[in-house]
Amino acid sequence: MNDTATKVCIIEAAMAPMITAAILANTHGLKPQLSNMMVGFGIPISFVTIGLWYLLIEYIM
């Protein structure tokens, strides 16, 4: 767990949901309100999870 590639993969897994998927869902009419809410809630939540995963990786493991 000390190599940079492993740390980057773990932190990227904690990042925000895919905005492109929400745009495609809106374009094709697949519950546009739901896809917008997922992105809207997911981005602020991911700020917290990225910080927690960073602390976990750097100081605990």
PDB file of N, CA and C in Angstrom:
ATOM      1  N   MET A   1       0.819  -1.202   0.000  1.00  0.00           N
ATOM      2  CA  MET A   1       0.000   0.000   0.000  1.00  0.00           C
ATOM      3  C   MET A   1       0.859   1.260   0.000  1.00  0.00           C
ATOM      4  N   ASN A   2       2.130   1.157  -0.198  1.00  0.00           N
ATOM      5  CA  ASN A   2       2.974   2.344  -0.153  1.00  0.00           C
ATOM      6  C   ASN A   2       3.225   2.966  -1.516  1.00  0.00           C
ATOM      7  N   ASP A   3       2.885   2.273  -2.603  1.00  0.00           N
ATOM      8  CA  ASP A   3       3.155   2.864  -3.904  1.00  0.00           C
ATOM      9  C   ASP A   3       2.090   3.899  -4.267  1.00  0.00           C
ATOM     10  N   THR A   4       2.484   4.847  -5.071  1.00  0.00           N
ATOM     11  CA  THR A   4       1.617   5.975  -5.419  1.00  0.00           C
ATOM     12  C   THR A   4       0.402   5.539  -6.218  1.00  0.00           C
ATOM     13  N   ALA A   5       0.552   4.587  -7.109  1.00  0.00           N
ATOM     14  CA  ALA A   5      -0.569   4.153  -7.951  1.00  0.00           C
ATOM     15  C   ALA A   5      -1.709   3.590  -7.113  1.00  0.00           C
ATOM     16  N   THR A   6      -1.396   2.839  -6.086  1.00  0.00           N
ATOM     17  CA  THR A   6      -2.432   2.283  -5.213  1.00  0.00           C
ATOM     18  C   THR A   6      -3.165   3.387  -4.467  1.00  0.00           C
ATOM     19  N   LYS A   7      -2.423   4.365  -3.961  1.00  0.00           N
ATOM     20  CA  LYS A   7      -3.043   5.484  -3.241  1.00  0.00           C
ATOM     21  C   LYS A   7      -3.949   6.291  -4.158  1.00  0.00           C
ATOM     22  N   VAL A   8      -3.502   6.537  -5.373  1.00  0.00           N
ATOM     23  CA  VAL A   8      -4.310   7.298  -6.324  1.00  0.00           C
ATOM     24  C   VAL A   8      -5.593   6.554  -6.664  1.00  0.00           C
ATOM     25  N   CYS A   9      -5.520   5.259  -6.862  1.00  0.00           N
ATOM     26  CA  CYS A   9      -6.724   4.469  -7.176  1.00  0.00           C
ATOM     27  C   CYS A   9      -7.734   4.507  -6.044  1.00  0.00           C
ATOM     28  N   ILE A  10      -7.275   4.426  -4.811  1.00  0.00           N
ATOM     29  CA  ILE A  10      -8.193   4.456  -3.672  1.00  0.00           C
ATOM     30  C   ILE A  10      -8.847   5.822  -3.548  1.00  0.00           C
ATOM     31  N   ILE A  11      -8.064   6.892  -3.718  1.00  0.00           N
ATOM     32  CA  ILE A  11      -8.628   8.239  -3.610  1.00  0.00           C
ATOM     33  C   ILE A  11      -9.579   8.519  -4.771  1.00  0.00           C
ATOM     34  N   GLU A  12      -9.273   8.060  -5.958  1.00  0.00           N
ATOM     35  CA  GLU A  12     -10.183   8.271  -7.087  1.00  0.00           C
ATOM     36  C   GLU A  12     -11.492   7.516  -6.902  1.00  0.00           C
ATOM     37  N   ALA A  13     -11.471   6.411  -6.214  1.00  0.00           N
ATOM     38  CA  ALA A  13     -12.712   5.674  -5.946  1.00  0.00           C
ATOM     39  C   ALA A  13     -13.630   6.460  -5.018  1.00  0.00           C
ATOM     40  N   ALA A  14     -13.076   7.372  -4.231  1.00  0.00           N
ATOM     41  CA  ALA A  14     -13.877   8.183  -3.313  1.00  0.00           C
ATOM     42  C   ALA A  14     -14.381   9.471  -3.958  1.00  0.00           C
ATOM     43  N   MET A  15     -14.028   9.699  -5.212  1.00  0.00           N
ATOM     44  CA  MET A  15     -14.405  10.956  -5.871  1.00  0.00           C
ATOM     45  C   MET A  15     -15.877  10.971  -6.274  1.00  0.00           C
ATOM     46  N   ALA A  16     -16.287  12.129  -6.727  1.00  0.00           N
ATOM     47  CA  ALA A  16     -17.697  12.393  -7.050  1.00  0.00           C
ATOM     48  C   ALA A  16     -18.218  11.492  -8.173  1.00  0.00           C
ATOM     49  N   PRO A  17     -19.553  11.368  -8.262  1.00  0.00           N
ATOM     50  CA  PRO A  17     -20.157  10.549  -9.316  1.00  0.00           C
ATOM     51  C   PRO A  17     -19.885  11.128 -10.703  1.00  0.00           C
ATOM     52  N   MET A  18     -20.092  10.296 -11.693  1.00  0.00           N
ATOM     53  CA  MET A  18     -19.806  10.705 -13.070  1.00  0.00           C
ATOM     54  C   MET A  18     -20.828  11.725 -13.563  1.00  0.00           C
ATOM     55  N   ILE A  19     -20.345  12.880 -13.908  1.00  0.00           N
ATOM     56  CA  ILE A  19     -21.216  13.935 -14.420  1.00  0.00           C
ATOM     57  C   ILE A  19     -21.667  13.596 -15.840  1.00  0.00           C
ATOM     58  N   THR A  20     -20.807  12.951 -16.602  1.00  0.00           N
ATOM     59  CA  THR A  20     -21.167  12.576 -17.970  1.00  0.00           C
ATOM     60  C   THR A  20     -22.366  11.638 -17.991  1.00  0.00           C
ATOM     61  N   ALA A  21     -22.423  10.710 -17.051  1.00  0.00           N
ATOM     62  CA  ALA A  21     -23.565   9.792 -16.994  1.00  0.00           C
ATOM     63  C   ALA A  21     -24.859  10.547 -16.705  1.00  0.00           C
ATOM     64  N   ALA A  22     -24.798  11.561 -15.860  1.00  0.00           N
ATOM     65  CA  ALA A  22     -25.987  12.360 -15.567  1.00  0.00           C
ATOM     66  C   ALA A  22     -26.424  13.159 -16.784  1.00  0.00           C
ATOM     67  N   ILE A  23     -25.464  13.676 -17.531  1.00  0.00           N
ATOM     68  CA  ILE A  23     -25.797  14.425 -18.749  1.00  0.00           C
ATOM     69  C   ILE A  23     -26.474  13.510 -19.759  1.00  0.00           C
ATOM     70  N   LEU A  24     -25.956  12.307 -19.935  1.00  0.00           N
ATOM     71  CA  LEU A  24     -26.560  11.355 -20.865  1.00  0.00           C
ATOM     72  C   LEU A  24     -27.955  10.941 -20.404  1.00  0.00           C
ATOM     73  N   ALA A  25     -28.133  10.749 -19.106  1.00  0.00           N
ATOM     74  CA  ALA A  25     -29.457  10.395 -18.588  1.00  0.00           C
ATOM     75  C   ALA A  25     -30.449  11.526 -18.846  1.00  0.00           C
ATOM     76  N   ASN A  26     -30.010  12.763 -18.656  1.00  0.00           N
ATOM     77  CA  ASN A  26     -30.883  13.903 -18.927  1.00  0.00           C
ATOM     78  C   ASN A  26     -31.229  13.997 -20.401  1.00  0.00           C
ATOM     79  N   THR A  27     -30.263  13.759 -21.253  1.00  0.00           N
ATOM     80  CA  THR A  27     -30.472  13.849 -22.697  1.00  0.00           C
ATOM     81  C   THR A  27     -31.522  12.854 -23.172  1.00  0.00           C
ATOM     82  N   HIS A  28     -31.502  11.666 -22.591  1.00  0.00           N
ATOM     83  CA  HIS A  28     -32.419  10.618 -23.017  1.00  0.00           C
ATOM     84  C   HIS A  28     -33.668  10.526 -22.149  1.00  0.00           C
ATOM     85  N   GLY A  29     -33.850  11.476 -21.231  1.00  0.00           N
ATOM     86  CA  GLY A  29     -35.061  11.521 -20.424  1.00  0.00           C
ATOM     87  C   GLY A  29     -35.172  10.441 -19.370  1.00  0.00           C
ATOM     88  N   LEU A  30     -34.057   9.931 -18.885  1.00  0.00           N
ATOM     89  CA  LEU A  30     -34.076   8.865 -17.878  1.00  0.00           C
ATOM     90  C   LEU A  30     -34.016   9.468 -16.474  1.00  0.00           C
ATOM     91  N   LYS A  31     -35.164   9.849 -15.959  1.00  0.00           N
ATOM     92  CA  LYS A  31     -35.272  10.435 -14.619  1.00  0.00           C
ATOM     93  C   LYS A  31     -34.267  11.576 -14.427  1.00  0.00           C
ATOM     94  N   PRO A  32     -34.414  12.676 -15.172  1.00  0.00           N
ATOM     95  CA  PRO A  32     -33.438  13.765 -15.093  1.00  0.00           C
ATOM     96  C   PRO A  32     -33.314  14.378 -13.696  1.00  0.00           C
ATOM     97  N   GLN A  33     -34.412  14.469 -12.956  1.00  0.00           N
ATOM     98  CA  GLN A  33     -34.328  15.057 -11.624  1.00  0.00           C
ATOM     99  C   GLN A  33     -33.485  14.183 -10.698  1.00  0.00           C
ATOM    100  N   LEU A  34     -33.649  12.878 -10.794  1.00  0.00           N
ATOM    101  CA  LEU A  34     -32.876  11.960  -9.967  1.00  0.00           C
ATOM    102  C   LEU A  34     -31.391  12.030 -10.301  1.00  0.00           C
ATOM    103  N   SER A  35     -31.055  12.024 -11.587  1.00  0.00           N
ATOM    104  CA  SER A  35     -29.634  12.065 -11.961  1.00  0.00           C
ATOM    105  C   SER A  35     -28.996  13.379 -11.542  1.00  0.00           C
ATOM    106  N   ASN A  36     -29.732  14.488 -11.616  1.00  0.00           N
ATOM    107  CA  ASN A  36     -29.187  15.763 -11.168  1.00  0.00           C
ATOM    108  C   ASN A  36     -28.994  15.789  -9.654  1.00  0.00           C
ATOM    109  N   MET A  37     -29.932  15.198  -8.923  1.00  0.00           N
ATOM    110  CA  MET A  37     -29.791  15.149  -7.474  1.00  0.00           C
ATOM    111  C   MET A  37     -28.613  14.275  -7.053  1.00  0.00           C
ATOM    112  N   MET A  38     -28.382  13.180  -7.764  1.00  0.00           N
ATOM    113  CA  MET A  38     -27.257  12.312  -7.430  1.00  0.00           C
ATOM    114  C   MET A  38     -25.936  13.050  -7.572  1.00  0.00           C
ATOM    115  N   VAL A  39     -25.802  13.818  -8.638  1.00  0.00           N
ATOM    116  CA  VAL A  39     -24.582  14.601  -8.831  1.00  0.00           C
ATOM    117  C   VAL A  39     -24.517  15.723  -7.804  1.00  0.00           C
ATOM    118  N   GLY A  40     -25.641  16.385  -7.570  1.00  0.00           N
ATOM    119  CA  GLY A  40     -25.675  17.500  -6.622  1.00  0.00           C
ATOM    120  C   GLY A  40     -25.340  17.096  -5.198  1.00  0.00           C
ATOM    121  N   PHE A  41     -25.789  15.922  -4.774  1.00  0.00           N
ATOM    122  CA  PHE A  41     -25.461  15.443  -3.436  1.00  0.00           C
ATOM    123  C   PHE A  41     -24.112  14.740  -3.404  1.00  0.00           C
ATOM    124  N   GLY A  42     -23.748  14.091  -4.497  1.00  0.00           N
ATOM    125  CA  GLY A  42     -22.525  13.292  -4.532  1.00  0.00           C
ATOM    126  C   GLY A  42     -21.253  14.108  -4.473  1.00  0.00           C
ATOM    127  N   ILE A  43     -21.247  15.270  -5.108  1.00  0.00           N
ATOM    128  CA  ILE A  43     -20.028  16.086  -5.123  1.00  0.00           C
ATOM    129  C   ILE A  43     -19.679  16.589  -3.715  1.00  0.00           C
ATOM    130  N   PRO A  44     -20.595  17.218  -2.975  1.00  0.00           N
ATOM    131  CA  PRO A  44     -20.222  17.638  -1.612  1.00  0.00           C
ATOM    132  C   PRO A  44     -19.873  16.466  -0.680  1.00  0.00           C
ATOM    133  N   ILE A  45     -20.579  15.356  -0.826  1.00  0.00           N
ATOM    134  CA  ILE A  45     -20.274  14.194   0.009  1.00  0.00           C
ATOM    135  C   ILE A  45     -18.886  13.649  -0.321  1.00  0.00           C
ATOM    136  N   SER A  46     -18.508  13.698  -1.597  1.00  0.00           N
ATOM    137  CA  SER A  46     -17.196  13.175  -1.981  1.00  0.00           C
ATOM    138  C   SER A  46     -16.060  14.016  -1.416  1.00  0.00           C
ATOM    139  N   PHE A  47     -16.283  15.314  -1.168  1.00  0.00           N
ATOM    140  CA  PHE A  47     -15.241  16.132  -0.540  1.00  0.00           C
ATOM    141  C   PHE A  47     -14.888  15.573   0.836  1.00  0.00           C
ATOM    142  N   VAL A  48     -15.895  15.130   1.555  1.00  0.00           N
ATOM    143  CA  VAL A  48     -15.671  14.559   2.885  1.00  0.00           C
ATOM    144  C   VAL A  48     -14.996  13.200   2.772  1.00  0.00           C
ATOM    145  N   THR A  49     -15.499  12.352   1.876  1.00  0.00           N
ATOM    146  CA  THR A  49     -14.930  10.999   1.778  1.00  0.00           C
ATOM    147  C   THR A  49     -13.501  11.013   1.254  1.00  0.00           C
ATOM    148  N   ILE A  50     -13.187  11.939   0.361  1.00  0.00           N
ATOM    149  CA  ILE A  50     -11.800  12.021  -0.122  1.00  0.00           C
ATOM    150  C   ILE A  50     -10.864  12.369   1.024  1.00  0.00           C
ATOM    151  N   GLY A  51     -11.275  13.327   1.854  1.00  0.00           N
ATOM    152  CA  GLY A  51     -10.451  13.690   3.011  1.00  0.00           C
ATOM    153  C   GLY A  51     -10.270  12.539   3.984  1.00  0.00           C
ATOM    154  N   LEU A  52     -11.353  11.815   4.239  1.00  0.00           N
ATOM    155  CA  LEU A  52     -11.255  10.674   5.159  1.00  0.00           C
ATOM    156  C   LEU A  52     -10.368   9.569   4.602  1.00  0.00           C
ATOM    157  N   TRP A  53     -10.507   9.266   3.322  1.00  0.00           N
ATOM    158  CA  TRP A  53      -9.663   8.235   2.722  1.00  0.00           C
ATOM    159  C   TRP A  53      -8.203   8.659   2.699  1.00  0.00           C
ATOM    160  N   TYR A  54      -7.952   9.953   2.457  1.00  0.00           N
ATOM    161  CA  TYR A  54      -6.566  10.442   2.480  1.00  0.00           C
ATOM    162  C   TYR A  54      -5.948  10.244   3.858  1.00  0.00           C
ATOM    163  N   LEU A  55      -6.694  10.625   4.908  1.00  0.00           N
ATOM    164  CA  LEU A  55      -6.185  10.448   6.262  1.00  0.00           C
ATOM    165  C   LEU A  55      -5.964   8.967   6.568  1.00  0.00           C
ATOM    166  N   LEU A  56      -6.880   8.128   6.134  1.00  0.00           N
ATOM    167  CA  LEU A  56      -6.742   6.694   6.362  1.00  0.00           C
ATOM    168  C   LEU A  56      -5.493   6.136   5.687  1.00  0.00           C
ATOM    169  N   ILE A  57      -5.283   6.523   4.458  1.00  0.00           N
ATOM    170  CA  ILE A  57      -4.145   6.001   3.693  1.00  0.00           C
ATOM    171  C   ILE A  57      -2.817   6.504   4.237  1.00  0.00           C
ATOM    172  N   GLU A  58      -2.751   7.793   4.525  1.00  0.00           N
ATOM    173  CA  GLU A  58      -1.478   8.403   4.922  1.00  0.00           C
ATOM    174  C   GLU A  58      -1.071   8.117   6.368  1.00  0.00           C
ATOM    175  N   TYR A  59      -2.028   8.087   7.286  1.00  0.00           N
ATOM    176  CA  TYR A  59      -1.654   8.040   8.693  1.00  0.00           C
ATOM    177  C   TYR A  59      -1.964   6.729   9.390  1.00  0.00           C
ATOM    178  N   ILE A  60      -2.898   5.966   8.877  1.00  0.00           N
ATOM    179  CA  ILE A  60      -3.252   4.730   9.557  1.00  0.00           C
ATOM    180  C   ILE A  60      -2.610   3.525   8.896  1.00  0.00           C
ATOM    181  N   MET A  61      -2.563   3.516   7.582  1.00  0.00           N
ATOM    182  CA  MET A  61      -2.008   2.348   6.884  1.00  0.00           C
ATOM    183  C   MET A  61      -0.543   2.495   6.628  1.00  0.00           C
TER     184      MET A  61
END
